[in-house]
Amino acid sequence: MKICEIKKCLNADLLCGEEWLDHDVFSACCSDMMSDVLAYVKDQGVLLTGLLNSQVIRTANMMDMVCIVFVRDKKPTEEMVELARESGIAVMSTHLRAYDACGLLYSEGLGRCDSNV
């Protein structure tokens, strides 16, 4: 699934990363605990989260994720957006709850990240 398709599916606002909209994403994970995210395989994934701090961007970057979607209308700070931009990560915000956003992406064929554990 392309990032532009994720944006459309979730009716999300793109906050940075327009140049990445045609990038393919193969899997997704959803968590507000970055320690859990670290347990997932790096697979060009998208991270869905309601956690709003710079650790989200740093964790996504470390795990080679290409897109972050903040749920429940969460809006990252400009500093967070700039960090994501520098890291080559597309950032979006959707009004959907995490459960609904994950369900929509799953129903459209986006897979899950496989755990190392």
C-alpha atoms as a PDB file:
ATOM      1  CA  MET A   1       0.000   0.000   0.000  1.00  0.00           C
ATOM      2  CA  LYS A   2       1.320   3.450  -0.814  1.00  0.00           C
ATOM      3  CA  ILE A   3       1.457   6.220   1.783  1.00  0.00           C
ATOM      4  CA  CYS A   4      -0.991   8.256  -0.323  1.00  0.00           C
ATOM      5  CA  GLU A   5      -3.471   5.364  -0.043  1.00  0.00           C
ATOM      6  CA  ILE A   6      -3.047   5.311   3.742  1.00  0.00           C
ATOM      7  CA  LYS A   7      -3.739   9.053   3.809  1.00  0.00           C
ATOM      8  CA  LYS A   8      -6.906   8.593   1.766  1.00  0.00           C
ATOM      9  CA  CYS A   9      -8.089   5.513   3.688  1.00  0.00           C
ATOM     10  CA  LEU A  10      -7.744   7.285   7.036  1.00  0.00           C
ATOM     11  CA  ASN A  11      -8.894  10.688   5.762  1.00  0.00           C
ATOM     12  CA  ALA A  12      -5.678  11.968   7.318  1.00  0.00           C
ATOM     13  CA  ASP A  13      -3.976  15.349   7.165  1.00  0.00           C
ATOM     14  CA  LEU A  14      -0.413  15.157   5.853  1.00  0.00           C
ATOM     15  CA  LEU A  15       1.862  17.209   8.102  1.00  0.00           C
ATOM     16  CA  CYS A  16       5.132  16.449   6.312  1.00  0.00           C
ATOM     17  CA  GLY A  17       6.513  14.042   3.754  1.00  0.00           C
ATOM     18  CA  GLU A  18       4.688  14.943   0.567  1.00  0.00           C
ATOM     19  CA  GLU A  19       7.684  13.612  -1.349  1.00  0.00           C
ATOM     20  CA  TRP A  20       7.072  10.181   0.221  1.00  0.00           C
ATOM     21  CA  LEU A  21       3.420   9.769  -0.830  1.00  0.00           C
ATOM     22  CA  ASP A  22       4.281   7.229  -3.551  1.00  0.00           C
ATOM     23  CA  HIS A  23       6.439   5.156  -1.186  1.00  0.00           C
ATOM     24  CA  ASP A  24       5.258   1.603  -0.555  1.00  0.00           C
ATOM     25  CA  VAL A  25       4.421   0.460   2.963  1.00  0.00           C
ATOM     26  CA  PHE A  26       4.219  -3.261   3.655  1.00  0.00           C
ATOM     27  CA  SER A  27       3.144  -3.485   7.272  1.00  0.00           C
ATOM     28  CA  ALA A  28       1.775  -1.548  10.228  1.00  0.00           C
ATOM     29  CA  CYS A  29       1.893  -1.564  13.977  1.00  0.00           C
ATOM     30  CA  CYS A  30       0.001   0.418  16.564  1.00  0.00           C
ATOM     31  CA  SER A  31       1.206   1.247  20.024  1.00  0.00           C
ATOM     32  CA  ASP A  32       1.579   4.041  22.540  1.00  0.00           C
ATOM     33  CA  MET A  33       4.477   2.167  24.143  1.00  0.00           C
ATOM     34  CA  MET A  34       7.659   2.710  22.176  1.00  0.00           C
ATOM     35  CA  SER A  35       9.263  -0.277  23.905  1.00  0.00           C
ATOM     36  CA  ASP A  36       6.650  -2.447  22.172  1.00  0.00           C
ATOM     37  CA  VAL A  37       7.434  -0.840  18.820  1.00  0.00           C
ATOM     38  CA  LEU A  38      11.079  -1.802  19.289  1.00  0.00           C
ATOM     39  CA  ALA A  39       9.952  -5.456  19.366  1.00  0.00           C
ATOM     40  CA  TYR A  40       8.767  -5.295  15.730  1.00  0.00           C
ATOM     41  CA  VAL A  41      10.728  -6.148  12.613  1.00  0.00           C
ATOM     42  CA  LYS A  42      11.912  -3.301  10.415  1.00  0.00           C
ATOM     43  CA  ASP A  43       9.750  -3.726   7.337  1.00  0.00           C
ATOM     44  CA  GLN A  44       9.010  -0.339   5.779  1.00  0.00           C
ATOM     45  CA  GLY A  45       6.199   0.008   8.265  1.00  0.00           C
ATOM     46  CA  VAL A  46       3.749   2.611   9.375  1.00  0.00           C
ATOM     47  CA  LEU A  47       3.367   3.389  13.062  1.00  0.00           C
ATOM     48  CA  LEU A  48      -0.038   4.397  14.402  1.00  0.00           C
ATOM     49  CA  THR A  49       0.026   6.009  17.822  1.00  0.00           C
ATOM     50  CA  GLY A  50      -1.685   8.404  20.173  1.00  0.00           C
ATOM     51  CA  LEU A  51       1.558   9.158  22.014  1.00  0.00           C
ATOM     52  CA  LEU A  52       2.696  12.686  21.358  1.00  0.00           C
ATOM     53  CA  ASN A  53       6.389  13.184  22.074  1.00  0.00           C
ATOM     54  CA  SER A  54       9.668  13.233  20.187  1.00  0.00           C
ATOM     55  CA  GLN A  55      10.466   9.647  21.211  1.00  0.00           C
ATOM     56  CA  VAL A  56       7.848   8.537  18.686  1.00  0.00           C
ATOM     57  CA  ILE A  57       9.853  10.085  15.850  1.00  0.00           C
ATOM     58  CA  ARG A  58      13.163   8.766  17.183  1.00  0.00           C
ATOM     59  CA  THR A  59      11.780   5.249  17.609  1.00  0.00           C
ATOM     60  CA  ALA A  60      10.233   5.234  14.132  1.00  0.00           C
ATOM     61  CA  ASN A  61      13.523   6.419  12.666  1.00  0.00           C
ATOM     62  CA  MET A  62      15.512   3.771  14.522  1.00  0.00           C
ATOM     63  CA  MET A  63      13.138   1.077  13.257  1.00  0.00           C
ATOM     64  CA  ASP A  64      13.291   2.356   9.643  1.00  0.00           C
ATOM     65  CA  MET A  65       9.598   3.198   9.612  1.00  0.00           C
ATOM     66  CA  VAL A  66       8.552   5.456   6.769  1.00  0.00           C
ATOM     67  CA  CYS A  67       5.287   6.870   8.103  1.00  0.00           C
ATOM     68  CA  ILE A  68       3.708   7.849  11.413  1.00  0.00           C
ATOM     69  CA  VAL A  69      -0.013   8.400  11.836  1.00  0.00           C
ATOM     70  CA  PHE A  70      -1.149  10.184  14.977  1.00  0.00           C
ATOM     71  CA  VAL A  71      -4.674   9.100  15.898  1.00  0.00           C
ATOM     72  CA  ARG A  72      -7.482  10.910  17.738  1.00  0.00           C
ATOM     73  CA  ASP A  73      -6.621  14.246  16.068  1.00  0.00           C
ATOM     74  CA  LYS A  74      -3.285  14.427  17.878  1.00  0.00           C
ATOM     75  CA  LYS A  75      -1.030  17.079  16.318  1.00  0.00           C
ATOM     76  CA  PRO A  76       2.732  16.888  16.829  1.00  0.00           C
ATOM     77  CA  THR A  77       4.733  20.002  17.612  1.00  0.00           C
ATOM     78  CA  GLU A  78       6.615  21.782  14.845  1.00  0.00           C
ATOM     79  CA  GLU A  79       9.852  20.466  16.371  1.00  0.00           C
ATOM     80  CA  MET A  80       8.548  16.906  16.040  1.00  0.00           C
ATOM     81  CA  VAL A  81       7.482  17.518  12.454  1.00  0.00           C
ATOM     82  CA  GLU A  82      10.912  18.963  11.635  1.00  0.00           C
ATOM     83  CA  LEU A  83      12.643  15.952  13.210  1.00  0.00           C
ATOM     84  CA  ALA A  84      10.470  13.640  11.096  1.00  0.00           C
ATOM     85  CA  ARG A  85      11.198  15.683   7.975  1.00  0.00           C
ATOM     86  CA  GLU A  86      14.946  15.429   8.642  1.00  0.00           C
ATOM     87  CA  SER A  87      14.546  11.678   9.177  1.00  0.00           C
ATOM     88  CA  GLY A  88      12.601  11.134   5.954  1.00  0.00           C
ATOM     89  CA  ILE A  89       9.404  10.093   7.712  1.00  0.00           C
ATOM     90  CA  ALA A  90       5.948  11.088   6.511  1.00  0.00           C
ATOM     91  CA  VAL A  91       3.694  12.305   9.332  1.00  0.00           C
ATOM     92  CA  MET A  92      -0.090  12.368   9.338  1.00  0.00           C
ATOM     93  CA  SER A  93      -2.899  13.010  11.759  1.00  0.00           C
ATOM     94  CA  THR A  94      -6.331  11.392  11.613  1.00  0.00           C
ATOM     95  CA  HIS A  95      -9.489  11.956  13.613  1.00  0.00           C
ATOM     96  CA  LEU A  96      -9.970   8.186  13.907  1.00  0.00           C
ATOM     97  CA  ARG A  97      -9.316   6.173  17.041  1.00  0.00           C
ATOM     98  CA  ALA A  98      -6.441   3.706  16.811  1.00  0.00           C
ATOM     99  CA  TYR A  99      -8.764   0.697  16.702  1.00  0.00           C
ATOM    100  CA  ASP A 100     -10.740   2.094  13.773  1.00  0.00           C
ATOM    101  CA  ALA A 101      -7.654   3.253  11.864  1.00  0.00           C
ATOM    102  CA  CYS A 102      -5.996  -0.159  12.208  1.00  0.00           C
ATOM    103  CA  GLY A 103      -9.177  -1.924  11.154  1.00  0.00           C
ATOM    104  CA  LEU A 104      -9.498   0.200   8.035  1.00  0.00           C
ATOM    105  CA  LEU A 105      -5.887  -0.368   7.004  1.00  0.00           C
ATOM    106  CA  TYR A 106      -6.186  -4.095   7.661  1.00  0.00           C
ATOM    107  CA  SER A 107      -9.390  -4.326   5.637  1.00  0.00           C
ATOM    108  CA  GLU A 108      -7.606  -2.596   2.754  1.00  0.00           C
ATOM    109  CA  GLY A 109      -4.894  -5.257   2.806  1.00  0.00           C
ATOM    110  CA  LEU A 110      -2.072  -3.730   4.856  1.00  0.00           C
ATOM    111  CA  GLY A 111      -0.369  -6.423   6.916  1.00  0.00           C
ATOM    112  CA  ARG A 112       1.015  -6.378  10.417  1.00  0.00           C
ATOM    113  CA  CYS A 113       4.607  -6.182  11.539  1.00  0.00           C
ATOM    114  CA  ASP A 114       5.907  -9.561  12.661  1.00  0.00           C
ATOM    115  CA  SER A 115       7.297  -9.675  16.158  1.00  0.00           C
ATOM    116  CA  ASN A 116      10.833 -10.774  16.920  1.00  0.00           C
ATOM    117  CA  VAL A 117       9.633 -12.163  20.225  1.00  0.00           C
END
